Amino acid sequence: MKKKVHVKKGDTVVVLNGKDAGKKGKVLHVNAHDGTVLVEGVNITTKHKKPRSQYQQGGIIRQESPINSSKVMLVCPKCGKPTRIRRHILENGEKDRECKKCNGTIDIINEAKG
């Protein structure tokens, strides 16, 4: 079952709690099925990789791990503050996301109806 995720790929978000609380980063991937997001530079884990062939190099790899989308808040590009979003339907039928603090439009969502 898909969960509703309030952020999209490319959004700038701030982490609300946990070991990386207060860090800002760009959303690299959104998994709507699990309700998780992958944020650049946040929730770094180490992975030990074994070389699988003669030419592949092994070692310790540091990579981002997904975090729950409820733990991040969108940063408004206009006012620069973490904010909730308001979904608004325009006169021409398109939907947009608005900042609840400055009432500025974040982006317009073009959804294919059908």
PDB file of N, CA and C in Angstrom:
ATOM      1  N   MET A   1       0.839  -1.187   0.000  1.00  0.00           N
ATOM      2  CA  MET A   1       0.000   0.000   0.000  1.00  0.00           C
ATOM      3  C   MET A   1       0.878   1.242   0.000  1.00  0.00           C
ATOM      4  N   LYS A   2       0.603   2.173  -0.904  1.00  0.00           N
ATOM      5  CA  LYS A   2       1.374   3.403  -0.985  1.00  0.00           C
ATOM      6  C   LYS A   2       0.972   4.340   0.146  1.00  0.00           C
ATOM      7  N   LYS A   3       1.968   5.031   0.700  1.00  0.00           N
ATOM      8  CA  LYS A   3       1.712   6.019   1.732  1.00  0.00           C
ATOM      9  C   LYS A   3       1.867   7.395   1.122  1.00  0.00           C
ATOM     10  N   LYS A   4       1.204   8.367   1.680  1.00  0.00           N
ATOM     11  CA  LYS A   4       1.280   9.727   1.171  1.00  0.00           C
ATOM     12  C   LYS A   4       2.543  10.377   1.716  1.00  0.00           C
ATOM     13  N   VAL A   5       3.411  10.836   0.825  1.00  0.00           N
ATOM     14  CA  VAL A   5       4.672  11.463   1.209  1.00  0.00           C
ATOM     15  C   VAL A   5       4.601  12.926   0.813  1.00  0.00           C
ATOM     16  N   HIS A   6       4.941  13.822   1.736  1.00  0.00           N
ATOM     17  CA  HIS A   6       4.788  15.257   1.511  1.00  0.00           C
ATOM     18  C   HIS A   6       5.987  15.910   0.822  1.00  0.00           C
ATOM     19  N   VAL A   7       7.058  15.170   0.588  1.00  0.00           N
ATOM     20  CA  VAL A   7       8.223  15.725  -0.091  1.00  0.00           C
ATOM     21  C   VAL A   7       8.454  14.994  -1.403  1.00  0.00           C
ATOM     22  N   LYS A   8       9.173  15.652  -2.323  1.00  0.00           N
ATOM     23  CA  LYS A   8       9.481  15.063  -3.613  1.00  0.00           C
ATOM     24  C   LYS A   8      10.985  15.056  -3.803  1.00  0.00           C
ATOM     25  N   LYS A   9      11.438  14.327  -4.812  1.00  0.00           N
ATOM     26  CA  LYS A   9      12.853  14.267  -5.149  1.00  0.00           C
ATOM     27  C   LYS A   9      13.320  15.669  -5.548  1.00  0.00           C
ATOM     28  N   GLY A  10      14.455  16.094  -4.979  1.00  0.00           N
ATOM     29  CA  GLY A  10      14.999  17.411  -5.272  1.00  0.00           C
ATOM     30  C   GLY A  10      14.652  18.473  -4.248  1.00  0.00           C
ATOM     31  N   ASP A  11      13.700  18.205  -3.345  1.00  0.00           N
ATOM     32  CA  ASP A  11      13.346  19.169  -2.296  1.00  0.00           C
ATOM     33  C   ASP A  11      14.472  19.275  -1.275  1.00  0.00           C
ATOM     34  N   THR A  12      14.609  20.438  -0.658  1.00  0.00           N
ATOM     35  CA  THR A  12      15.522  20.615   0.462  1.00  0.00           C
ATOM     36  C   THR A  12      14.723  20.419   1.740  1.00  0.00           C
ATOM     37  N   VAL A  13      15.238  19.551   2.629  1.00  0.00           N
ATOM     38  CA  VAL A  13      14.527  19.241   3.865  1.00  0.00           C
ATOM     39  C   VAL A  13      15.472  19.396   5.053  1.00  0.00           C
ATOM     40  N   VAL A  14      14.881  19.510   6.243  1.00  0.00           N
ATOM     41  CA  VAL A  14      15.629  19.535   7.488  1.00  0.00           C
ATOM     42  C   VAL A  14      15.150  18.360   8.331  1.00  0.00           C
ATOM     43  N   VAL A  15      16.090  17.683   9.002  1.00  0.00           N
ATOM     44  CA  VAL A  15      15.766  16.525   9.831  1.00  0.00           C
ATOM     45  C   VAL A  15      15.292  17.026  11.189  1.00  0.00           C
ATOM     46  N   LEU A  16      14.181  16.469  11.671  1.00  0.00           N
ATOM     47  CA  LEU A  16      13.565  16.954  12.906  1.00  0.00           C
ATOM     48  C   LEU A  16      14.147  16.336  14.164  1.00  0.00           C
ATOM     49  N   ASN A  17      14.431  15.030  14.164  1.00  0.00           N
ATOM     50  CA  ASN A  17      14.963  14.400  15.369  1.00  0.00           C
ATOM     51  C   ASN A  17      15.862  13.237  15.009  1.00  0.00           C
ATOM     52  N   GLY A  18      16.529  12.712  16.007  1.00  0.00           N
ATOM     53  CA  GLY A  18      17.476  11.622  15.799  1.00  0.00           C
ATOM     54  C   GLY A  18      18.898  12.132  15.863  1.00  0.00           C
ATOM     55  N   LYS A  19      19.844  11.292  15.454  1.00  0.00           N
ATOM     56  CA  LYS A  19      21.255  11.666  15.555  1.00  0.00           C
ATOM     57  C   LYS A  19      21.637  12.778  14.591  1.00  0.00           C
ATOM     58  N   ASP A  20      20.870  12.970  13.523  1.00  0.00           N
ATOM     59  CA  ASP A  20      21.159  14.013  12.534  1.00  0.00           C
ATOM     60  C   ASP A  20      20.180  15.177  12.620  1.00  0.00           C
ATOM     61  N   ALA A  21      19.599  15.415  13.783  1.00  0.00           N
ATOM     62  CA  ALA A  21      18.605  16.474  13.944  1.00  0.00           C
ATOM     63  C   ALA A  21      19.212  17.834  13.611  1.00  0.00           C
ATOM     64  N   GLY A  22      18.488  18.613  12.816  1.00  0.00           N
ATOM     65  CA  GLY A  22      18.923  19.948  12.445  1.00  0.00           C
ATOM     66  C   GLY A  22      19.703  20.016  11.145  1.00  0.00           C
ATOM     67  N   LYS A  23      20.107  18.873  10.597  1.00  0.00           N
ATOM     68  CA  LYS A  23      20.865  18.876   9.342  1.00  0.00           C
ATOM     69  C   LYS A  23      19.936  19.110   8.160  1.00  0.00           C
ATOM     70  N   LYS A  24      20.448  19.870   7.175  1.00  0.00           N
ATOM     71  CA  LYS A  24      19.704  20.104   5.943  1.00  0.00           C
ATOM     72  C   LYS A  24      20.318  19.278   4.835  1.00  0.00           C
ATOM     73  N   GLY A  25      19.494  18.858   3.901  1.00  0.00           N
ATOM     74  CA  GLY A  25      19.977  18.092   2.765  1.00  0.00           C
ATOM     75  C   GLY A  25      18.934  18.011   1.674  1.00  0.00           C
ATOM     76  N   LYS A  26      19.371  17.561   0.513  1.00  0.00           N
ATOM     77  CA  LYS A  26      18.497  17.422  -0.642  1.00  0.00           C
ATOM     78  C   LYS A  26      17.970  15.990  -0.693  1.00  0.00           C
ATOM     79  N   VAL A  27      16.703  15.832  -1.043  1.00  0.00           N
ATOM     80  CA  VAL A  27      16.089  14.512  -1.154  1.00  0.00           C
ATOM     81  C   VAL A  27      16.587  13.855  -2.436  1.00  0.00           C
ATOM     82  N   LEU A  28      17.227  12.687  -2.294  1.00  0.00           N
ATOM     83  CA  LEU A  28      17.759  11.960  -3.443  1.00  0.00           C
ATOM     84  C   LEU A  28      16.760  10.956  -4.000  1.00  0.00           C
ATOM     85  N   HIS A  29      15.953  10.357  -3.117  1.00  0.00           N
ATOM     86  CA  HIS A  29      15.009   9.320  -3.545  1.00  0.00           C
ATOM     87  C   HIS A  29      13.843   9.271  -2.567  1.00  0.00           C
ATOM     88  N   VAL A  30      12.644   9.050  -3.087  1.00  0.00           N
ATOM     89  CA  VAL A  30      11.446   8.908  -2.261  1.00  0.00           C
ATOM     90  C   VAL A  30      10.846   7.535  -2.530  1.00  0.00           C
ATOM     91  N   ASN A  31      10.620   6.770  -1.469  1.00  0.00           N
ATOM     92  CA  ASN A  31       9.978   5.470  -1.576  1.00  0.00           C
ATOM     93  C   ASN A  31       8.586   5.597  -0.951  1.00  0.00           C
ATOM     94  N   ALA A  32       7.573   5.804  -1.793  1.00  0.00           N
ATOM     95  CA  ALA A  32       6.209   6.014  -1.301  1.00  0.00           C
ATOM     96  C   ALA A  32       5.616   4.734  -0.715  1.00  0.00           C
ATOM     97  N   HIS A  33       6.110   3.583  -1.141  1.00  0.00           N
ATOM     98  CA  HIS A  33       5.582   2.312  -0.631  1.00  0.00           C
ATOM     99  C   HIS A  33       5.909   2.140   0.849  1.00  0.00           C
ATOM    100  N   ASP A  34       7.143   2.486   1.241  1.00  0.00           N
ATOM    101  CA  ASP A  34       7.559   2.373   2.636  1.00  0.00           C
ATOM    102  C   ASP A  34       7.375   3.668   3.417  1.00  0.00           C
ATOM    103  N   GLY A  35       7.189   4.787   2.713  1.00  0.00           N
ATOM    104  CA  GLY A  35       7.092   6.082   3.370  1.00  0.00           C
ATOM    105  C   GLY A  35       8.442   6.580   3.847  1.00  0.00           C
ATOM    106  N   THR A  36       9.519   6.248   3.113  1.00  0.00           N
ATOM    107  CA  THR A  36      10.867   6.656   3.498  1.00  0.00           C
ATOM    108  C   THR A  36      11.474   7.561   2.435  1.00  0.00           C
ATOM    109  N   VAL A  37      12.465   8.345   2.855  1.00  0.00           N
ATOM    110  CA  VAL A  37      13.189   9.223   1.941  1.00  0.00           C
ATOM    111  C   VAL A  37      14.687   9.042   2.162  1.00  0.00           C
ATOM    112  N   LEU A  38      15.451   9.266   1.109  1.00  0.00           N
ATOM    113  CA  LEU A  38      16.905   9.206   1.165  1.00  0.00           C
ATOM    114  C   LEU A  38      17.404  10.637   1.032  1.00  0.00           C
ATOM    115  N   VAL A  39      18.071  11.147   2.076  1.00  0.00           N
ATOM    116  CA  VAL A  39      18.512  12.536   2.114  1.00  0.00           C
ATOM    117  C   VAL A  39      20.029  12.587   2.027  1.00  0.00           C
ATOM    118  N   GLU A  40      20.534  13.493   1.202  1.00  0.00           N
ATOM    119  CA  GLU A  40      21.967  13.635   0.965  1.00  0.00           C
ATOM    120  C   GLU A  40      22.691  14.068   2.249  1.00  0.00           C
ATOM    121  N   GLY A  41      23.674  13.273   2.681  1.00  0.00           N
ATOM    122  CA  GLY A  41      24.494  13.604   3.840  1.00  0.00           C
ATOM    123  C   GLY A  41      23.851  13.335   5.184  1.00  0.00           C
ATOM    124  N   VAL A  42      22.742  12.617   5.217  1.00  0.00           N
ATOM    125  CA  VAL A  42      22.014  12.354   6.459  1.00  0.00           C
ATOM    126  C   VAL A  42      21.879  10.844   6.645  1.00  0.00           C
ATOM    127  N   ASN A  43      21.988  10.388   7.896  1.00  0.00           N
ATOM    128  CA  ASN A  43      21.857   8.978   8.273  1.00  0.00           C
ATOM    129  C   ASN A  43      22.910   8.128   7.555  1.00  0.00           C
ATOM    130  N   ILE A  44      24.162   8.519   7.702  1.00  0.00           N
ATOM    131  CA  ILE A  44      25.274   7.818   7.061  1.00  0.00           C
ATOM    132  C   ILE A  44      25.557   6.520   7.823  1.00  0.00           C
ATOM    133  N   THR A  45      25.622   5.414   7.068  1.00  0.00           N
ATOM    134  CA  THR A  45      25.965   4.124   7.646  1.00  0.00           C
ATOM    135  C   THR A  45      27.187   3.566   6.926  1.00  0.00           C
ATOM    136  N   THR A  46      27.902   2.664   7.597  1.00  0.00           N
ATOM    137  CA  THR A  46      29.055   2.024   6.972  1.00  0.00           C
ATOM    138  C   THR A  46      28.660   0.627   6.528  1.00  0.00           C
ATOM    139  N   LYS A  47      29.131   0.264   5.348  1.00  0.00           N
ATOM    140  CA  LYS A  47      28.828  -1.044   4.786  1.00  0.00           C
ATOM    141  C   LYS A  47      30.142  -1.689   4.385  1.00  0.00           C
ATOM    142  N   HIS A  48      30.370  -2.910   4.831  1.00  0.00           N
ATOM    143  CA  HIS A  48      31.589  -3.643   4.495  1.00  0.00           C
ATOM    144  C   HIS A  48      31.331  -4.429   3.222  1.00  0.00           C
ATOM    145  N   LYS A  49      32.067  -4.091   2.176  1.00  0.00           N
ATOM    146  CA  LYS A  49      31.853  -4.716   0.868  1.00  0.00           C
ATOM    147  C   LYS A  49      33.002  -5.656   0.548  1.00  0.00           C
ATOM    148  N   LYS A  50      32.653  -6.860   0.205  1.00  0.00           N
ATOM    149  CA  LYS A  50      33.636  -7.875  -0.139  1.00  0.00           C
ATOM    150  C   LYS A  50      33.818  -7.884  -1.663  1.00  0.00           C
ATOM    151  N   PRO A  51      35.060  -7.972  -2.136  1.00  0.00           N
ATOM    152  CA  PRO A  51      35.245  -8.020  -3.593  1.00  0.00           C
ATOM    153  C   PRO A  51      34.689  -9.337  -4.158  1.00  0.00           C
ATOM    154  N   ARG A  52      33.860  -9.217  -5.174  1.00  0.00           N
ATOM    155  CA  ARG A  52      33.200 -10.400  -5.748  1.00  0.00           C
ATOM    156  C   ARG A  52      33.975 -10.970  -6.936  1.00  0.00           C
ATOM    157  N   SER A  53      34.866 -10.199  -7.509  1.00  0.00           N
ATOM    158  CA  SER A  53      35.670 -10.704  -8.620  1.00  0.00           C
ATOM    159  C   SER A  53      37.106 -10.252  -8.445  1.00  0.00           C
ATOM    160  N   GLN A  54      37.949 -10.663  -9.323  1.00  0.00           N
ATOM    161  CA  GLN A  54      39.374 -10.341  -9.237  1.00  0.00           C
ATOM    162  C   GLN A  54      39.617  -8.845  -9.435  1.00  0.00           C
ATOM    163  N   TYR A  55      38.766  -8.192 -10.215  1.00  0.00           N
ATOM    164  CA  TYR A  55      38.980  -6.787 -10.559  1.00  0.00           C
ATOM    165  C   TYR A  55      38.168  -5.831  -9.701  1.00  0.00           C
ATOM    166  N   GLN A  56      37.285  -6.351  -8.880  1.00  0.00           N
ATOM    167  CA  GLN A  56      36.453  -5.496  -8.029  1.00  0.00           C
ATOM    168  C   GLN A  56      37.172  -5.230  -6.712  1.00  0.00           C
ATOM    169  N   GLN A  57      37.065  -3.986  -6.258  1.00  0.00           N
ATOM    170  CA  GLN A  57      37.747  -3.603  -5.025  1.00  0.00           C
ATOM    171  C   GLN A  57      36.774  -3.669  -3.847  1.00  0.00           C
ATOM    172  N   GLY A  58      37.215  -4.209  -2.745  1.00  0.00           N
ATOM    173  CA  GLY A  58      36.413  -4.285  -1.537  1.00  0.00           C
ATOM    174  C   GLY A  58      36.788  -3.156  -0.599  1.00  0.00           C
ATOM    175  N   GLY A  59      36.135  -3.101   0.535  1.00  0.00           N
ATOM    176  CA  GLY A  59      36.454  -2.084   1.526  1.00  0.00           C
ATOM    177  C   GLY A  59      35.226  -1.644   2.294  1.00  0.00           C
ATOM    178  N   ILE A  60      35.396  -0.572   3.042  1.00  0.00           N
ATOM    179  CA  ILE A  60      34.314  -0.017   3.846  1.00  0.00           C
ATOM    180  C   ILE A  60      33.720   1.160   3.085  1.00  0.00           C
ATOM    181  N   ILE A  61      32.422   1.092   2.834  1.00  0.00           N
ATOM    182  CA  ILE A  61      31.720   2.123   2.079  1.00  0.00           C
ATOM    183  C   ILE A  61      30.791   2.868   3.022  1.00  0.00           C
ATOM    184  N   ARG A  62      30.828   4.189   2.964  1.00  0.00           N
ATOM    185  CA  ARG A  62      29.910   5.018   3.745  1.00  0.00           C
ATOM    186  C   ARG A  62      28.821   5.512   2.805  1.00  0.00           C
ATOM    187  N   GLN A  63      27.553   5.230   3.170  1.00  0.00           N
ATOM    188  CA  GLN A  63      26.450   5.612   2.301  1.00  0.00           C
ATOM    189  C   GLN A  63      25.243   6.055   3.124  1.00  0.00           C
ATOM    190  N   GLU A  64      24.347   6.794   2.476  1.00  0.00           N
ATOM    191  CA  GLU A  64      23.132   7.249   3.137  1.00  0.00           C
ATOM    192  C   GLU A  64      22.137   6.097   3.247  1.00  0.00           C
ATOM    193  N   SER A  65      21.400   6.075   4.347  1.00  0.00           N
ATOM    194  CA  SER A  65      20.327   5.110   4.540  1.00  0.00           C
ATOM    195  C   SER A  65      19.007   5.865   4.585  1.00  0.00           C
ATOM    196  N   PRO A  66      17.918   5.208   4.197  1.00  0.00           N
ATOM    197  CA  PRO A  66      16.630   5.900   4.204  1.00  0.00           C
ATOM    198  C   PRO A  66      16.133   6.171   5.618  1.00  0.00           C
ATOM    199  N   ILE A  67      15.393   7.284   5.762  1.00  0.00           N
ATOM    200  CA  ILE A  67      14.740   7.616   7.026  1.00  0.00           C
ATOM    201  C   ILE A  67      13.259   7.833   6.750  1.00  0.00           C
ATOM    202  N   ASN A  68      12.451   7.751   7.790  1.00  0.00           N
ATOM    203  CA  ASN A  68      11.011   7.911   7.649  1.00  0.00           C
ATOM    204  C   ASN A  68      10.687   9.336   7.211  1.00  0.00           C
ATOM    205  N   SER A  69       9.716   9.469   6.318  1.00  0.00           N
ATOM    206  CA  SER A  69       9.382  10.793   5.795  1.00  0.00           C
ATOM    207  C   SER A  69       8.760  11.698   6.857  1.00  0.00           C
ATOM    208  N   SER A  70       8.238  11.126   7.932  1.00  0.00           N
ATOM    209  CA  SER A  70       7.665  11.944   8.997  1.00  0.00           C
ATOM    210  C   SER A  70       8.748  12.623   9.837  1.00  0.00           C
ATOM    211  N   LYS A  71       9.999  12.219   9.679  1.00  0.00           N
ATOM    212  CA  LYS A  71      11.098  12.801  10.438  1.00  0.00           C
ATOM    213  C   LYS A  71      11.747  13.980   9.727  1.00  0.00           C
ATOM    214  N   VAL A  72      11.260  14.346   8.540  1.00  0.00           N
ATOM    215  CA  VAL A  72      11.825  15.473   7.803  1.00  0.00           C
ATOM    216  C   VAL A  72      10.743  16.513   7.540  1.00  0.00           C
ATOM    217  N   MET A  73      11.180  17.772   7.413  1.00  0.00           N
ATOM    218  CA  MET A  73      10.262  18.863   7.115  1.00  0.00           C
ATOM    219  C   MET A  73      10.824  19.666   5.955  1.00  0.00           C
ATOM    220  N   LEU A  74       9.969  20.023   5.042  1.00  0.00           N
ATOM    221  CA  LEU A  74      10.350  20.761   3.849  1.00  0.00           C
ATOM    222  C   LEU A  74      10.828  22.163   4.208  1.00  0.00           C
ATOM    223  N   VAL A  75      11.902  22.620   3.556  1.00  0.00           N
ATOM    224  CA  VAL A  75      12.398  23.987   3.725  1.00  0.00           C
ATOM    225  C   VAL A  75      11.882  24.794   2.545  1.00  0.00           C
ATOM    226  N   CYS A  76      11.181  25.890   2.828  1.00  0.00           N
ATOM    227  CA  CYS A  76      10.611  26.739   1.786  1.00  0.00           C
ATOM    228  C   CYS A  76      11.741  27.442   1.034  1.00  0.00           C
ATOM    229  N   PRO A  77      11.744  27.374  -0.300  1.00  0.00           N
ATOM    230  CA  PRO A  77      12.804  28.053  -1.050  1.00  0.00           C
ATOM    231  C   PRO A  77      12.685  29.576  -1.018  1.00  0.00           C
ATOM    232  N   LYS A  78      11.496  30.102  -0.727  1.00  0.00           N
ATOM    233  CA  LYS A  78      11.302  31.552  -0.705  1.00  0.00           C
ATOM    234  C   LYS A  78      11.743  32.172   0.624  1.00  0.00           C
ATOM    235  N   CYS A  79      11.219  31.633   1.760  1.00  0.00           N
ATOM    236  CA  CYS A  79      11.539  32.228   3.063  1.00  0.00           C
ATOM    237  C   CYS A  79      12.679  31.508   3.766  1.00  0.00           C
ATOM    238  N   GLY A  80      13.047  30.313   3.334  1.00  0.00           N
ATOM    239  CA  GLY A  80      14.177  29.586   3.912  1.00  0.00           C
ATOM    240  C   GLY A  80      13.904  28.952   5.256  1.00  0.00           C
ATOM    241  N   LYS A  81      12.634  28.854   5.651  1.00  0.00           N
ATOM    242  CA  LYS A  81      12.281  28.284   6.942  1.00  0.00           C
ATOM    243  C   LYS A  81      11.638  26.910   6.753  1.00  0.00           C
ATOM    244  N   PRO A  82      11.832  25.996   7.727  1.00  0.00           N
ATOM    245  CA  PRO A  82      11.120  24.718   7.662  1.00  0.00           C
ATOM    246  C   PRO A  82       9.623  24.967   7.830  1.00  0.00           C
ATOM    247  N   THR A  83       8.824  24.349   6.989  1.00  0.00           N
ATOM    248  CA  THR A  83       7.400  24.635   7.003  1.00  0.00           C
ATOM    249  C   THR A  83       6.586  23.411   6.613  1.00  0.00           C
ATOM    250  N   ARG A  84       5.327  23.435   6.993  1.00  0.00           N
ATOM    251  CA  ARG A  84       4.373  22.476   6.468  1.00  0.00           C
ATOM    252  C   ARG A  84       3.913  23.005   5.115  1.00  0.00           C
ATOM    253  N   ILE A  85       3.305  22.123   4.332  1.00  0.00           N
ATOM    254  CA  ILE A  85       2.842  22.575   3.032  1.00  0.00           C
ATOM    255  C   ILE A  85       1.326  22.518   2.969  1.00  0.00           C
ATOM    256  N   ARG A  86       0.788  23.380   2.115  1.00  0.00           N
ATOM    257  CA  ARG A  86      -0.642  23.425   1.865  1.00  0.00           C
ATOM    258  C   ARG A  86      -0.832  23.098   0.391  1.00  0.00           C
ATOM    259  N   ARG A  87      -1.691  22.140   0.108  1.00  0.00           N
ATOM    260  CA  ARG A  87      -1.997  21.813  -1.287  1.00  0.00           C
ATOM    261  C   ARG A  87      -3.204  22.643  -1.707  1.00  0.00           C
ATOM    262  N   HIS A  88      -3.089  23.287  -2.846  1.00  0.00           N
ATOM    263  CA  HIS A  88      -4.088  24.233  -3.292  1.00  0.00           C
ATOM    264  C   HIS A  88      -4.418  23.941  -4.748  1.00  0.00           C
ATOM    265  N   ILE A  89      -5.693  23.993  -5.122  1.00  0.00           N
ATOM    266  CA  ILE A  89      -6.111  23.767  -6.504  1.00  0.00           C
ATOM    267  C   ILE A  89      -6.317  25.128  -7.154  1.00  0.00           C
ATOM    268  N   LEU A  90      -5.634  25.352  -8.267  1.00  0.00           N
ATOM    269  CA  LEU A  90      -5.725  26.616  -8.995  1.00  0.00           C
ATOM    270  C   LEU A  90      -6.988  26.649  -9.857  1.00  0.00           C
ATOM    271  N   GLU A  91      -7.271  27.832 -10.454  1.00  0.00           N
ATOM    272  CA  GLU A  91      -8.467  28.001 -11.266  1.00  0.00           C
ATOM    273  C   GLU A  91      -8.459  27.102 -12.498  1.00  0.00           C
ATOM    274  N   ASN A  92      -7.265  26.852 -13.072  1.00  0.00           N
ATOM    275  CA  ASN A  92      -7.180  26.040 -14.286  1.00  0.00           C
ATOM    276  C   ASN A  92      -7.151  24.539 -13.990  1.00  0.00           C
ATOM    277  N   GLY A  93      -7.318  24.135 -12.731  1.00  0.00           N
ATOM    278  CA  GLY A  93      -7.395  22.728 -12.366  1.00  0.00           C
ATOM    279  C   GLY A  93      -6.079  22.132 -11.915  1.00  0.00           C
ATOM    280  N   GLU A  94      -4.959  22.852 -12.078  1.00  0.00           N
ATOM    281  CA  GLU A  94      -3.666  22.341 -11.625  1.00  0.00           C
ATOM    282  C   GLU A  94      -3.554  22.487 -10.120  1.00  0.00           C
ATOM    283  N   LYS A  95      -2.723  21.636  -9.527  1.00  0.00           N
ATOM    284  CA  LYS A  95      -2.495  21.681  -8.084  1.00  0.00           C
ATOM    285  C   LYS A  95      -1.133  22.306  -7.819  1.00  0.00           C
ATOM    286  N   ASP A  96      -1.010  22.996  -6.694  1.00  0.00           N
ATOM    287  CA  ASP A  96       0.297  23.519  -6.314  1.00  0.00           C
ATOM    288  C   ASP A  96       0.526  23.305  -4.836  1.00  0.00           C
ATOM    289  N   ARG A  97       1.813  23.396  -4.438  1.00  0.00           N
ATOM    290  CA  ARG A  97       2.188  23.290  -3.035  1.00  0.00           C
ATOM    291  C   ARG A  97       2.578  24.681  -2.560  1.00  0.00           C
ATOM    292  N   GLU A  98       2.016  25.099  -1.430  1.00  0.00           N
ATOM    293  CA  GLU A  98       2.286  26.422  -0.882  1.00  0.00           C
ATOM    294  C   GLU A  98       2.890  26.304   0.501  1.00  0.00           C
ATOM    295  N   CYS A  99       3.733  27.287   0.844  1.00  0.00           N
ATOM    296  CA  CYS A  99       4.320  27.394   2.176  1.00  0.00           C
ATOM    297  C   CYS A  99       3.267  27.941   3.125  1.00  0.00           C
ATOM    298  N   LYS A 100       3.109  27.327   4.298  1.00  0.00           N
ATOM    299  CA  LYS A 100       2.121  27.812   5.259  1.00  0.00           C
ATOM    300  C   LYS A 100       2.602  29.031   6.025  1.00  0.00           C
ATOM    301  N   LYS A 101       3.929  29.314   5.979  1.00  0.00           N
ATOM    302  CA  LYS A 101       4.443  30.463   6.722  1.00  0.00           C
ATOM    303  C   LYS A 101       4.393  31.736   5.899  1.00  0.00           C
ATOM    304  N   CYS A 102       4.860  31.671   4.633  1.00  0.00           N
ATOM    305  CA  CYS A 102       4.919  32.887   3.813  1.00  0.00           C
ATOM    306  C   CYS A 102       3.882  32.901   2.696  1.00  0.00           C
ATOM    307  N   ASN A 103       3.073  31.837   2.583  1.00  0.00           N
ATOM    308  CA  ASN A 103       2.045  31.690   1.550  1.00  0.00           C
ATOM    309  C   ASN A 103       2.606  31.757   0.131  1.00  0.00           C
ATOM    310  N   GLY A 104       3.901  31.495  -0.024  1.00  0.00           N
ATOM    311  CA  GLY A 104       4.511  31.480  -1.348  1.00  0.00           C
ATOM    312  C   GLY A 104       4.341  30.120  -2.011  1.00  0.00           C
ATOM    313  N   THR A 105       4.253  30.126  -3.339  1.00  0.00           N
ATOM    314  CA  THR A 105       4.124  28.877  -4.085  1.00  0.00           C
ATOM    315  C   THR A 105       5.473  28.182  -4.170  1.00  0.00           C
ATOM    316  N   ILE A 106       5.508  26.924  -3.781  1.00  0.00           N
ATOM    317  CA  ILE A 106       6.738  26.140  -3.853  1.00  0.00           C
ATOM    318  C   ILE A 106       6.899  25.576  -5.254  1.00  0.00           C
ATOM    319  N   ASP A 107       5.876  24.871  -5.747  1.00  0.00           N
ATOM    320  CA  ASP A 107       5.898  24.381  -7.126  1.00  0.00           C
ATOM    321  C   ASP A 107       4.483  23.989  -7.532  1.00  0.00           C
ATOM    322  N   ILE A 108       4.303  23.782  -8.845  1.00  0.00           N
ATOM    323  CA  ILE A 108       3.019  23.369  -9.385  1.00  0.00           C
ATOM    324  C   ILE A 108       3.133  21.898  -9.766  1.00  0.00           C
ATOM    325  N   ILE A 109       2.145  21.116  -9.327  1.00  0.00           N
ATOM    326  CA  ILE A 109       2.152  19.680  -9.576  1.00  0.00           C
ATOM    327  C   ILE A 109       1.309  19.434 -10.816  1.00  0.00           C
ATOM    328  N   ASN A 110       1.933  18.916 -11.861  1.00  0.00           N
ATOM    329  CA  ASN A 110       1.210  18.557 -13.082  1.00  0.00           C
ATOM    330  C   ASN A 110       0.933  17.074 -13.048  1.00  0.00           C
ATOM    331  N   GLU A 111      -0.289  16.713 -12.721  1.00  0.00           N
ATOM    332  CA  GLU A 111      -0.657  15.311 -12.645  1.00  0.00           C
ATOM    333  C   GLU A 111      -1.493  14.955 -13.862  1.00  0.00           C
ATOM    334  N   ALA A 112      -1.211  13.812 -14.430  1.00  0.00           N
ATOM    335  CA  ALA A 112      -1.990  13.326 -15.557  1.00  0.00           C
ATOM    336  C   ALA A 112      -3.252  12.669 -15.023  1.00  0.00           C
ATOM    337  N   LYS A 113      -4.387  13.153 -15.465  1.00  0.00           N
ATOM    338  CA  LYS A 113      -5.660  12.588 -15.011  1.00  0.00           C
ATOM    339  C   LYS A 113      -6.112  11.548 -16.010  1.00  0.00           C
ATOM    340  N   GLY A 114      -6.562  10.428 -15.473  1.00  0.00           N
ATOM    341  CA  GLY A 114      -7.021   9.418 -16.417  1.00  0.00           C
ATOM    342  C   GLY A 114      -7.280   8.117 -15.823  1.00  0.00           C
TER     343      GLY A 114
END
